[in-house]
N, C-alpha and C. Protein backbone atom coordinates (compact mmCIF):
# COMPACT_ATOMS: atom_id res chain seq x y z
N MET A 1 5.81 7.12 -8.28
CA MET A 1 7.30 5.72 -8.59
C MET A 1 7.06 4.72 -7.25
N ALA A 2 6.90 3.54 -7.77
CA ALA A 2 6.72 2.13 -6.70
C ALA A 2 8.11 1.88 -6.30
N MET A 3 8.34 2.15 -5.40
CA MET A 3 9.80 1.45 -4.97
C MET A 3 9.47 0.15 -4.04
N ASN A 4 10.94 -0.88 -4.29
CA ASN A 4 10.78 -2.08 -4.12
C ASN A 4 11.09 -2.04 -2.10
N ASN A 5 10.93 -3.20 -1.89
CA ASN A 5 10.72 -3.06 -0.30
C ASN A 5 12.51 -2.80 0.08
N ILE A 6 12.24 -2.12 1.36
CA ILE A 6 14.08 -2.92 1.46
C ILE A 6 13.85 -3.77 3.05
N THR A 7 14.82 -4.55 2.84
CA THR A 7 15.50 -6.14 4.01
C THR A 7 16.61 -5.75 4.79
N ILE A 8 16.31 -5.49 6.18
CA ILE A 8 17.28 -5.26 6.90
C ILE A 8 17.98 -6.32 8.15
N GLU A 9 18.82 -7.05 7.83
CA GLU A 9 18.98 -7.89 8.38
C GLU A 9 20.23 -7.73 9.64
N ASN A 10 20.19 -8.17 10.56
CA ASN A 10 20.93 -8.66 11.69
C ASN A 10 20.89 -7.02 12.00
N THR A 11 20.01 -6.31 12.62
CA THR A 11 20.68 -5.56 13.25
C THR A 11 20.32 -5.21 14.41
N ARG A 12 19.93 -3.85 14.70
CA ARG A 12 18.85 -3.54 16.10
C ARG A 12 18.58 -1.90 16.24
N PHE A 13 18.16 -1.83 17.11
CA PHE A 13 17.06 -0.01 17.37
C PHE A 13 18.44 0.40 18.25
N ILE A 14 17.98 1.72 17.84
CA ILE A 14 19.25 3.34 18.60
C ILE A 14 17.92 3.77 18.70
N TYR A 15 18.16 3.85 19.98
CA TYR A 15 17.40 5.36 21.28
C TYR A 15 15.90 3.89 21.42
N ASN A 16 15.31 4.47 22.05
CA ASN A 16 14.48 4.09 22.41
C ASN A 16 13.24 3.86 21.53
N THR A 17 12.65 2.83 21.26
CA THR A 17 11.21 2.56 20.44
C THR A 17 10.07 3.16 20.85
N ASN A 18 9.01 3.85 20.24
CA ASN A 18 7.57 4.12 20.91
C ASN A 18 6.94 3.10 20.09
N PHE A 19 6.49 1.87 19.96
CA PHE A 19 5.89 1.45 19.76
C PHE A 19 4.70 1.57 19.79
N SER A 20 4.62 1.70 21.57
CA SER A 20 3.42 1.55 22.36
C SER A 20 2.19 2.46 21.54
N GLY A 21 3.09 3.95 20.81
CA GLY A 21 2.69 5.08 20.48
C GLY A 21 1.47 5.67 21.62
N ASP A 22 2.82 5.78 22.69
CA ASP A 22 2.07 6.65 24.10
C ASP A 22 3.26 7.48 23.53
N PRO A 23 2.79 8.74 23.85
CA PRO A 23 3.66 10.51 23.61
C PRO A 23 4.31 10.64 24.78
N SER A 24 3.72 10.23 25.39
CA SER A 24 4.72 10.01 27.02
C SER A 24 6.24 9.44 26.55
N GLN A 25 6.19 8.55 25.75
CA GLN A 25 7.63 7.91 25.93
C GLN A 25 8.09 8.24 25.19
N ASP A 26 7.47 8.77 24.44
CA ASP A 26 9.32 9.64 23.08
C ASP A 26 9.44 11.30 23.60
N ARG A 27 10.76 10.78 23.24
CA ARG A 27 11.21 11.60 23.68
C ARG A 27 10.79 13.70 23.22
N PHE A 28 10.15 13.68 21.93
CA PHE A 28 9.51 14.64 21.75
C PHE A 28 7.79 14.92 21.74
N GLY A 29 7.55 13.94 22.44
CA GLY A 29 5.76 13.53 22.50
C GLY A 29 5.72 13.42 21.81
N ASP A 30 5.66 12.59 20.61
CA ASP A 30 4.98 12.29 19.11
C ASP A 30 4.05 10.81 19.70
N GLY A 31 3.24 10.40 19.55
CA GLY A 31 2.21 9.68 20.12
C GLY A 31 1.97 8.57 18.59
N ARG A 32 2.99 9.07 17.18
CA ARG A 32 3.28 7.80 16.03
C ARG A 32 4.29 6.82 16.92
N ARG A 33 3.30 5.59 16.29
CA ARG A 33 4.50 4.28 16.98
C ARG A 33 5.68 3.96 15.98
N LYS A 34 6.74 4.01 16.67
CA LYS A 34 7.85 4.04 15.60
C LYS A 34 9.26 3.54 15.97
N ALA A 35 10.19 3.37 15.59
CA ALA A 35 11.94 3.23 15.68
C ALA A 35 12.48 3.96 15.14
N ASN A 36 13.90 3.84 15.22
CA ASN A 36 15.03 4.16 14.73
C ASN A 36 15.91 2.98 14.33
N ILE A 37 16.13 2.45 13.22
CA ILE A 37 16.27 0.79 13.22
C ILE A 37 18.36 1.38 12.21
N ILE A 38 19.18 0.09 12.98
CA ILE A 38 20.25 0.92 11.94
C ILE A 38 20.54 0.23 10.72
N ILE A 39 21.17 0.82 10.22
CA ILE A 39 21.78 0.05 8.96
C ILE A 39 22.68 -0.45 9.13
N PRO A 40 23.01 -1.26 9.49
CA PRO A 40 24.79 -1.97 9.46
C PRO A 40 25.67 -1.99 8.78
N ASP A 41 25.87 -1.52 7.61
CA ASP A 41 26.07 -1.95 5.96
C ASP A 41 26.32 -0.26 5.97
N PRO A 42 27.71 0.49 5.45
CA PRO A 42 27.89 1.70 5.15
C PRO A 42 27.11 2.08 3.69
N GLN A 43 27.48 0.68 3.07
CA GLN A 43 27.10 0.66 1.60
C GLN A 43 25.32 0.96 1.55
N MET A 44 24.55 0.24 2.63
CA MET A 44 23.68 -0.09 1.71
C MET A 44 22.80 0.97 2.50
N ALA A 45 23.46 1.81 3.66
CA ALA A 45 23.40 3.44 3.85
C ALA A 45 23.28 4.63 3.23
N GLU A 46 24.32 4.49 1.62
CA GLU A 46 24.55 5.09 0.45
C GLU A 46 23.51 5.07 -0.28
N GLU A 47 23.43 3.54 -0.40
CA GLU A 47 21.90 3.47 -1.64
C GLU A 47 21.05 3.78 -1.00
N LEU A 48 20.61 3.51 -0.13
CA LEU A 48 19.17 4.66 0.83
C LEU A 48 19.34 6.10 0.45
N LEU A 49 19.99 6.55 0.87
CA LEU A 49 20.38 7.78 0.37
C LEU A 49 20.10 8.68 -0.83
N ASN A 50 20.46 7.37 -1.63
CA ASN A 50 20.74 7.61 -3.55
C ASN A 50 19.01 7.08 -4.06
N MET A 51 18.35 6.87 -2.95
CA MET A 51 17.02 6.50 -3.32
C MET A 51 15.86 8.01 -2.91
N GLY A 52 16.86 8.09 -2.01
CA GLY A 52 15.87 9.84 -1.31
C GLY A 52 15.21 9.36 -0.02
N ILE A 53 16.02 8.31 0.68
CA ILE A 53 15.44 8.06 2.06
C ILE A 53 16.29 8.81 2.82
N ARG A 54 15.39 9.17 4.12
CA ARG A 54 16.69 9.97 4.97
C ARG A 54 16.97 8.98 5.89
N VAL A 55 18.70 9.05 5.54
CA VAL A 55 19.56 8.37 6.35
C VAL A 55 19.74 9.10 7.12
N ARG A 56 20.18 9.20 8.70
CA ARG A 56 20.68 9.90 9.73
C ARG A 56 22.22 8.76 10.23
N GLN A 57 22.83 9.75 10.90
CA GLN A 57 24.28 9.30 11.57
C GLN A 57 24.28 9.41 12.72
N THR A 58 24.75 8.94 13.97
CA THR A 58 25.32 9.34 15.06
C THR A 58 27.10 10.30 14.87
N ARG A 59 26.54 11.10 15.73
CA ARG A 59 27.87 12.41 16.00
C ARG A 59 28.69 11.76 17.29
N PRO A 60 29.50 12.00 16.96
CA PRO A 60 30.56 11.98 18.08
C PRO A 60 30.61 12.69 19.54
N ARG A 61 30.82 11.92 20.93
CA ARG A 61 30.32 12.50 21.92
C ARG A 61 31.80 13.41 21.88
N PRO A 62 31.18 13.88 22.81
CA PRO A 62 32.67 15.12 23.58
C PRO A 62 33.71 14.43 23.66
N ASP A 63 34.00 12.85 24.20
CA ASP A 63 35.29 12.67 24.80
C ASP A 63 35.27 10.92 23.87
N ASP A 64 34.63 11.55 22.69
CA ASP A 64 34.91 10.40 21.39
C ASP A 64 35.93 11.11 20.65
N ASP A 65 36.97 9.85 20.42
CA ASP A 65 38.03 10.32 19.09
C ASP A 65 37.77 10.97 18.29
N PRO A 66 37.87 11.92 17.39
CA PRO A 66 37.21 12.38 15.87
C PRO A 66 38.04 11.57 15.31
N ALA A 67 39.14 11.49 15.10
CA ALA A 67 39.74 10.56 14.26
C ALA A 67 39.79 8.96 14.27
N THR A 68 38.96 8.35 15.04
CA THR A 68 38.74 6.81 15.09
C THR A 68 36.84 7.29 15.24
N PHE A 69 36.58 8.32 15.15
CA PHE A 69 35.22 8.19 15.48
C PHE A 69 34.74 7.39 13.95
N GLU A 70 33.30 6.11 14.33
CA GLU A 70 32.40 5.60 12.70
C GLU A 70 31.45 5.93 13.47
N PRO A 71 30.27 6.58 12.51
CA PRO A 71 28.80 7.13 13.03
C PRO A 71 28.75 5.56 12.74
N THR A 72 27.01 5.79 13.50
CA THR A 72 25.62 4.23 12.90
C THR A 72 25.25 5.68 12.07
N TYR A 73 24.88 4.52 11.30
CA TYR A 73 24.10 5.15 10.31
C TYR A 73 22.89 4.40 9.97
N PHE A 74 21.28 5.21 10.40
CA PHE A 74 19.96 4.87 10.76
C PHE A 74 19.01 5.57 10.73
N VAL A 75 17.65 4.79 10.43
CA VAL A 75 16.24 5.14 9.24
C VAL A 75 15.22 5.38 10.28
N SER A 76 14.92 5.73 10.30
CA SER A 76 12.82 6.51 11.36
C SER A 76 12.02 5.79 10.62
N ALA A 77 11.25 4.38 10.96
CA ALA A 77 10.40 3.57 10.29
C ALA A 77 9.02 3.57 11.45
N SER A 78 8.05 3.46 10.83
CA SER A 78 6.72 3.84 11.56
C SER A 78 5.86 2.62 11.54
N LEU A 79 5.76 2.17 12.13
CA LEU A 79 4.21 0.66 12.66
C LEU A 79 3.13 1.27 12.21
N LYS A 80 2.01 1.41 11.24
CA LYS A 80 1.15 1.91 11.39
C LYS A 80 -0.15 0.81 11.16
N TYR A 81 -1.07 0.71 12.04
CA TYR A 81 -2.17 -0.39 12.39
C TYR A 81 -3.15 0.05 11.59
N ARG A 82 -3.36 1.73 11.31
CA ARG A 82 -4.32 3.02 11.18
C ARG A 82 -4.31 4.16 10.62
N ASP A 83 -5.21 4.33 9.66
CA ASP A 83 -5.69 5.16 8.66
C ASP A 83 -5.21 6.69 9.16
N ARG A 84 -5.29 7.21 8.83
CA ARG A 84 -5.65 9.00 8.75
C ARG A 84 -6.74 9.11 9.50
N LEU A 85 -7.85 8.24 9.01
CA LEU A 85 -9.51 8.96 10.51
C LEU A 85 -9.48 7.79 11.07
N GLY A 86 -8.64 6.63 10.90
CA GLY A 86 -8.69 6.12 12.10
C GLY A 86 -8.94 4.33 11.79
N ASN A 87 -9.28 4.10 10.76
CA ASN A 87 -9.71 3.06 10.29
C ASN A 87 -8.87 1.49 10.27
N PRO A 88 -8.60 1.02 10.43
CA PRO A 88 -7.95 -0.51 10.41
C PRO A 88 -7.52 -0.20 8.92
N VAL A 89 -5.81 -0.71 8.59
CA VAL A 89 -5.46 -0.91 7.51
C VAL A 89 -5.70 -1.67 6.53
N LYS A 90 -5.66 -1.75 5.66
CA LYS A 90 -5.84 -3.22 4.96
C LYS A 90 -4.69 -4.55 4.97
N TYR A 91 -3.33 -4.08 4.84
CA TYR A 91 -2.37 -5.10 5.29
C TYR A 91 -1.79 -4.52 6.05
N PRO A 92 -2.23 -4.83 7.47
CA PRO A 92 -2.11 -4.05 8.78
C PRO A 92 -0.09 -5.18 8.95
N PRO A 93 0.88 -4.11 9.63
CA PRO A 93 1.90 -5.11 9.04
C PRO A 93 2.20 -6.45 10.60
N ARG A 94 3.04 -7.46 10.01
CA ARG A 94 3.75 -8.31 10.66
C ARG A 94 4.80 -8.43 11.22
N VAL A 95 4.02 -8.49 12.68
CA VAL A 95 4.91 -8.16 13.73
C VAL A 95 5.25 -9.32 14.51
N TYR A 96 6.74 -10.26 14.88
CA TYR A 96 6.79 -11.37 15.92
C TYR A 96 7.86 -11.10 16.83
N THR A 97 8.00 -11.85 17.93
CA THR A 97 8.49 -11.85 18.81
C THR A 97 9.14 -12.96 18.63
N VAL A 98 10.96 -13.14 19.38
CA VAL A 98 11.35 -14.58 19.35
C VAL A 98 12.55 -14.79 20.38
N SER A 99 11.52 -15.72 21.05
CA SER A 99 11.98 -15.83 22.31
C SER A 99 13.59 -17.16 22.74
N GLY A 100 14.65 -16.94 22.28
CA GLY A 100 15.01 -18.45 22.28
C GLY A 100 14.64 -19.26 21.71
N ASP A 101 14.49 -21.00 21.69
CA ASP A 101 13.94 -21.69 20.87
C ASP A 101 12.77 -21.77 20.57
N GLU A 102 11.91 -20.67 21.53
CA GLU A 102 10.31 -21.16 21.21
C GLU A 102 9.93 -20.20 20.01
N GLN A 103 8.75 -20.69 19.35
CA GLN A 103 8.56 -20.23 18.59
C GLN A 103 7.49 -18.86 18.27
N PRO A 104 8.44 -17.73 17.19
CA PRO A 104 7.79 -16.38 16.81
C PRO A 104 6.59 -16.59 17.55
N VAL A 105 6.59 -15.37 18.24
CA VAL A 105 4.92 -15.32 18.43
C VAL A 105 4.43 -13.31 17.55
N GLN A 106 3.34 -14.22 17.31
CA GLN A 106 2.77 -12.67 16.43
C GLN A 106 2.30 -11.69 17.39
N LEU A 107 2.59 -10.47 17.43
CA LEU A 107 2.15 -9.47 17.93
C LEU A 107 0.75 -8.42 16.94
N ASP A 108 0.18 -8.47 18.03
CA ASP A 108 -1.58 -7.04 17.44
C ASP A 108 -1.08 -5.77 17.84
N GLU A 109 -1.83 -5.10 17.61
CA GLU A 109 -1.86 -3.50 17.71
C GLU A 109 -1.52 -3.67 19.02
N GLU A 110 -2.41 -4.06 19.80
CA GLU A 110 -2.74 -4.23 21.75
C GLU A 110 -1.48 -4.60 21.98
N SER A 111 -1.10 -5.50 21.56
CA SER A 111 0.70 -6.00 22.42
C SER A 111 1.89 -5.96 22.24
N VAL A 112 2.43 -5.17 20.21
CA VAL A 112 3.33 -4.79 20.10
C VAL A 112 3.92 -4.05 21.16
N GLY A 113 3.24 -3.10 21.46
CA GLY A 113 3.88 -2.04 22.70
C GLY A 113 5.26 -2.32 23.75
N ILE A 114 4.73 -4.23 23.79
CA ILE A 114 5.52 -4.64 24.79
C ILE A 114 7.45 -4.45 23.84
N ILE A 115 7.07 -4.95 22.94
CA ILE A 115 9.10 -4.71 21.81
C ILE A 115 9.54 -2.92 23.07
N ASP A 116 8.97 -2.55 23.38
CA ASP A 116 9.11 -1.22 24.26
C ASP A 116 9.81 -1.34 24.93
N LEU A 117 9.83 -2.65 26.52
CA LEU A 117 9.88 -3.45 27.17
C LEU A 117 10.79 -4.30 27.71
N ILE A 118 11.12 -5.17 25.79
CA ILE A 118 12.17 -5.94 26.49
C ILE A 118 13.32 -5.45 26.00
N PRO A 119 14.44 -6.69 26.39
CA PRO A 119 15.89 -6.20 25.88
C PRO A 119 16.13 -6.94 24.62
N VAL A 120 16.35 -6.20 23.27
CA VAL A 120 16.48 -6.70 21.84
C VAL A 120 18.02 -6.85 22.00
N LYS A 121 17.88 -8.41 21.36
CA LYS A 121 19.09 -8.80 20.66
C LYS A 121 19.19 -8.94 19.29
N ASN A 122 18.23 -8.99 18.53
CA ASN A 122 18.63 -9.05 16.86
C ASN A 122 17.24 -8.61 16.23
N VAL A 123 16.90 -7.35 15.56
CA VAL A 123 15.99 -7.61 14.59
C VAL A 123 15.95 -7.19 13.00
N ASN A 124 15.24 -8.36 12.23
CA ASN A 124 15.28 -8.53 10.96
C ASN A 124 14.17 -7.71 10.65
N VAL A 125 14.28 -7.03 9.57
CA VAL A 125 12.56 -6.61 9.15
C VAL A 125 12.75 -5.92 7.70
N ILE A 126 11.69 -5.97 7.12
CA ILE A 126 11.16 -5.15 5.76
C ILE A 126 10.46 -4.26 5.87
N LEU A 127 10.85 -3.40 5.36
CA LEU A 127 10.50 -1.93 5.25
C LEU A 127 9.90 -1.47 4.26
N ASN A 128 8.63 -0.77 4.55
CA ASN A 128 7.51 -0.56 2.76
C ASN A 128 8.24 0.49 2.38
N PRO A 129 8.95 1.68 1.84
CA PRO A 129 9.13 3.19 1.11
C PRO A 129 7.80 3.10 0.74
N TYR A 130 7.16 4.82 1.19
CA TYR A 130 6.04 5.25 0.67
C TYR A 130 6.40 6.72 0.52
N THR A 131 6.00 7.06 -0.91
CA THR A 131 6.38 8.87 -1.61
C THR A 131 5.37 9.05 -1.22
N TYR A 132 5.18 10.46 -0.34
CA TYR A 132 3.74 11.03 0.29
C TYR A 132 3.97 12.01 -0.03
N ASN A 133 5.12 12.70 -0.79
CA ASN A 133 4.15 14.24 -1.50
C ASN A 133 4.97 14.64 -2.80
N ALA A 134 4.56 15.59 -3.23
CA ALA A 134 4.80 15.65 -5.29
C ALA A 134 6.40 16.46 -4.89
N ALA A 135 7.34 16.36 -3.44
CA ALA A 135 8.47 16.33 -3.09
C ALA A 135 9.22 15.36 -3.56
N GLY A 136 8.33 14.21 -3.44
CA GLY A 136 9.21 13.11 -3.40
C GLY A 136 9.84 12.79 -1.93
N ASP A 137 9.54 13.38 -0.59
CA ASP A 137 9.88 12.91 0.11
C ASP A 137 9.23 11.05 0.41
N ILE A 138 9.76 10.73 0.90
CA ILE A 138 9.56 8.87 1.17
C ILE A 138 9.40 8.61 3.11
N SER A 139 8.84 8.35 3.70
CA SER A 139 8.58 7.81 4.78
C SER A 139 9.10 6.07 4.18
N LEU A 140 9.32 5.58 5.75
CA LEU A 140 9.50 4.24 5.57
C LEU A 140 8.73 3.36 6.65
N TYR A 141 7.75 2.57 6.18
CA TYR A 141 6.68 1.36 6.95
C TYR A 141 7.56 0.18 8.02
N ILE A 142 7.08 -0.27 9.06
CA ILE A 142 7.76 -1.56 9.10
C ILE A 142 5.89 -2.73 8.43
N ARG A 143 7.30 -3.40 6.90
CA ARG A 143 5.76 -4.83 6.87
C ARG A 143 5.76 -5.47 7.59
N THR A 144 6.97 -6.19 7.25
CA THR A 144 7.49 -7.22 8.81
C THR A 144 8.24 -7.18 9.33
N MET A 145 8.57 -7.93 10.62
CA MET A 145 9.67 -7.62 11.54
C MET A 145 9.61 -9.03 12.58
N TYR A 146 10.66 -9.21 12.65
CA TYR A 146 11.22 -10.28 13.83
C TYR A 146 12.30 -10.34 14.64
N VAL A 147 11.88 -9.67 16.27
CA VAL A 147 12.24 -9.18 17.21
C VAL A 147 13.16 -9.94 18.24
N GLU A 148 13.75 -10.29 18.35
CA GLU A 148 14.26 -11.68 18.68
C GLU A 148 15.26 -11.19 20.29
N GLN A 149 14.05 -11.38 21.59
CA GLN A 149 14.67 -11.44 22.71
C GLN A 149 16.54 -11.75 23.10
N ARG A 150 16.45 -10.62 23.99
CA ARG A 150 18.25 -10.98 24.81
C ARG A 150 17.61 -12.15 25.80
N THR A 151 18.02 -13.40 25.37
CA THR A 151 18.14 -13.97 27.13
C THR A 151 19.02 -14.48 27.33
N GLU A 152 20.16 -14.71 26.90
CA GLU A 152 21.14 -15.30 27.85
C GLU A 152 22.02 -14.26 29.02
N ASP A 153 21.50 -13.38 29.43
CA ASP A 153 21.16 -12.42 30.94
C ASP A 153 20.54 -12.94 31.49
N ASP A 154 19.15 -14.02 31.10
CA ASP A 154 18.61 -13.76 32.14
C ASP A 154 18.46 -15.78 33.00
N PRO A 155 18.66 -15.21 33.92
CA PRO A 155 19.23 -16.64 34.27
C PRO A 155 17.80 -17.68 34.52
N TRP A 156 16.22 -17.31 34.09
CA TRP A 156 15.43 -18.34 34.06
C TRP A 156 14.87 -18.72 32.58
N ALA A 157 15.18 -18.42 31.76
CA ALA A 157 14.84 -18.38 30.43
C ALA A 157 15.31 -20.30 29.71
N ASN A 158 16.08 -20.54 30.25
CA ASN A 158 16.62 -21.89 30.00
C ASN A 158 15.95 -22.73 31.23
N ARG A 159 14.73 -22.57 31.70
CA ARG A 159 14.12 -22.98 32.90
C ARG A 159 12.75 -23.49 31.98
N TYR A 160 12.95 -21.93 32.20
CA TYR A 160 11.50 -21.99 31.09
C TYR A 160 11.27 -22.74 29.64
N GLY A 161 12.10 -22.01 29.04
CA GLY A 161 12.19 -22.68 27.90
C GLY A 161 11.58 -23.91 27.37
N ARG A 162 11.37 -23.99 26.35
CA ARG A 162 11.11 -25.28 25.48
C ARG A 162 12.73 -25.91 25.48
N LYS A 163 12.09 -27.80 25.55
CA LYS A 163 13.08 -28.56 25.33
C LYS A 163 13.06 -29.18 23.79
N SER A 164 14.74 -29.76 23.50
CA SER A 164 13.73 -30.69 22.09
C SER A 164 13.64 -31.89 23.09
N PRO A 165 12.83 -32.77 21.80
CA PRO A 165 12.71 -33.97 22.24
C PRO A 165 13.93 -34.73 22.39
N MET A 166 15.05 -34.14 22.54
CA MET A 166 16.15 -34.60 22.33
C MET A 166 17.05 -34.53 24.11
N GLU A 167 16.82 -33.50 24.69
CA GLU A 167 16.66 -33.16 25.43
C GLU A 167 15.99 -33.73 26.51
N GLU A 168 14.54 -34.41 26.73
CA GLU A 168 13.82 -34.05 27.27
C GLU A 168 14.77 -35.54 28.10
N ASP A 169 13.99 -35.70 29.14
CA ASP A 169 14.58 -36.43 30.64
C ASP A 169 13.44 -37.49 30.69
N PRO A 170 14.45 -38.72 30.14
CA PRO A 170 12.87 -40.50 29.98
C PRO A 170 12.75 -40.61 30.63
N PHE A 171 12.97 -40.37 32.55
CA PHE A 171 11.95 -40.40 33.12
C PHE A 171 11.41 -39.80 34.23
């Protein structure tokens, strides 16, 4: 059964990403390129659950008040540039970083790991669901993703950022 792509806007990552695919960077030693993406709308989380997609949620910490605790829903998504045999996939993911007012920069298989190191403000992503066995289990793969870098607390971001023609000093 073919499923439609899933668009999640104005979200962010929860926990550390591992877009570099480095097993030493993953808590469980996994070498897959992946991230956990927050589902910002509980209704969307329920819809994804009804589609058979594994949606997880955070649990309260010992110091949280159980009466007021609201879980954060999230899904795991993989970034796949190569198939099981190591050959490039036919349609690789399109991943972009956006910093301030700059044009988006497309990352490739070699440079996408930089996302593991930058402070992230916002994520917009299109996920491709894939049913991978007869039991109907579904994996999510990143098809297109824009990652906005947080620059508000960077004292040099404005100095080196691009200015619009109206802001240019005429002298």
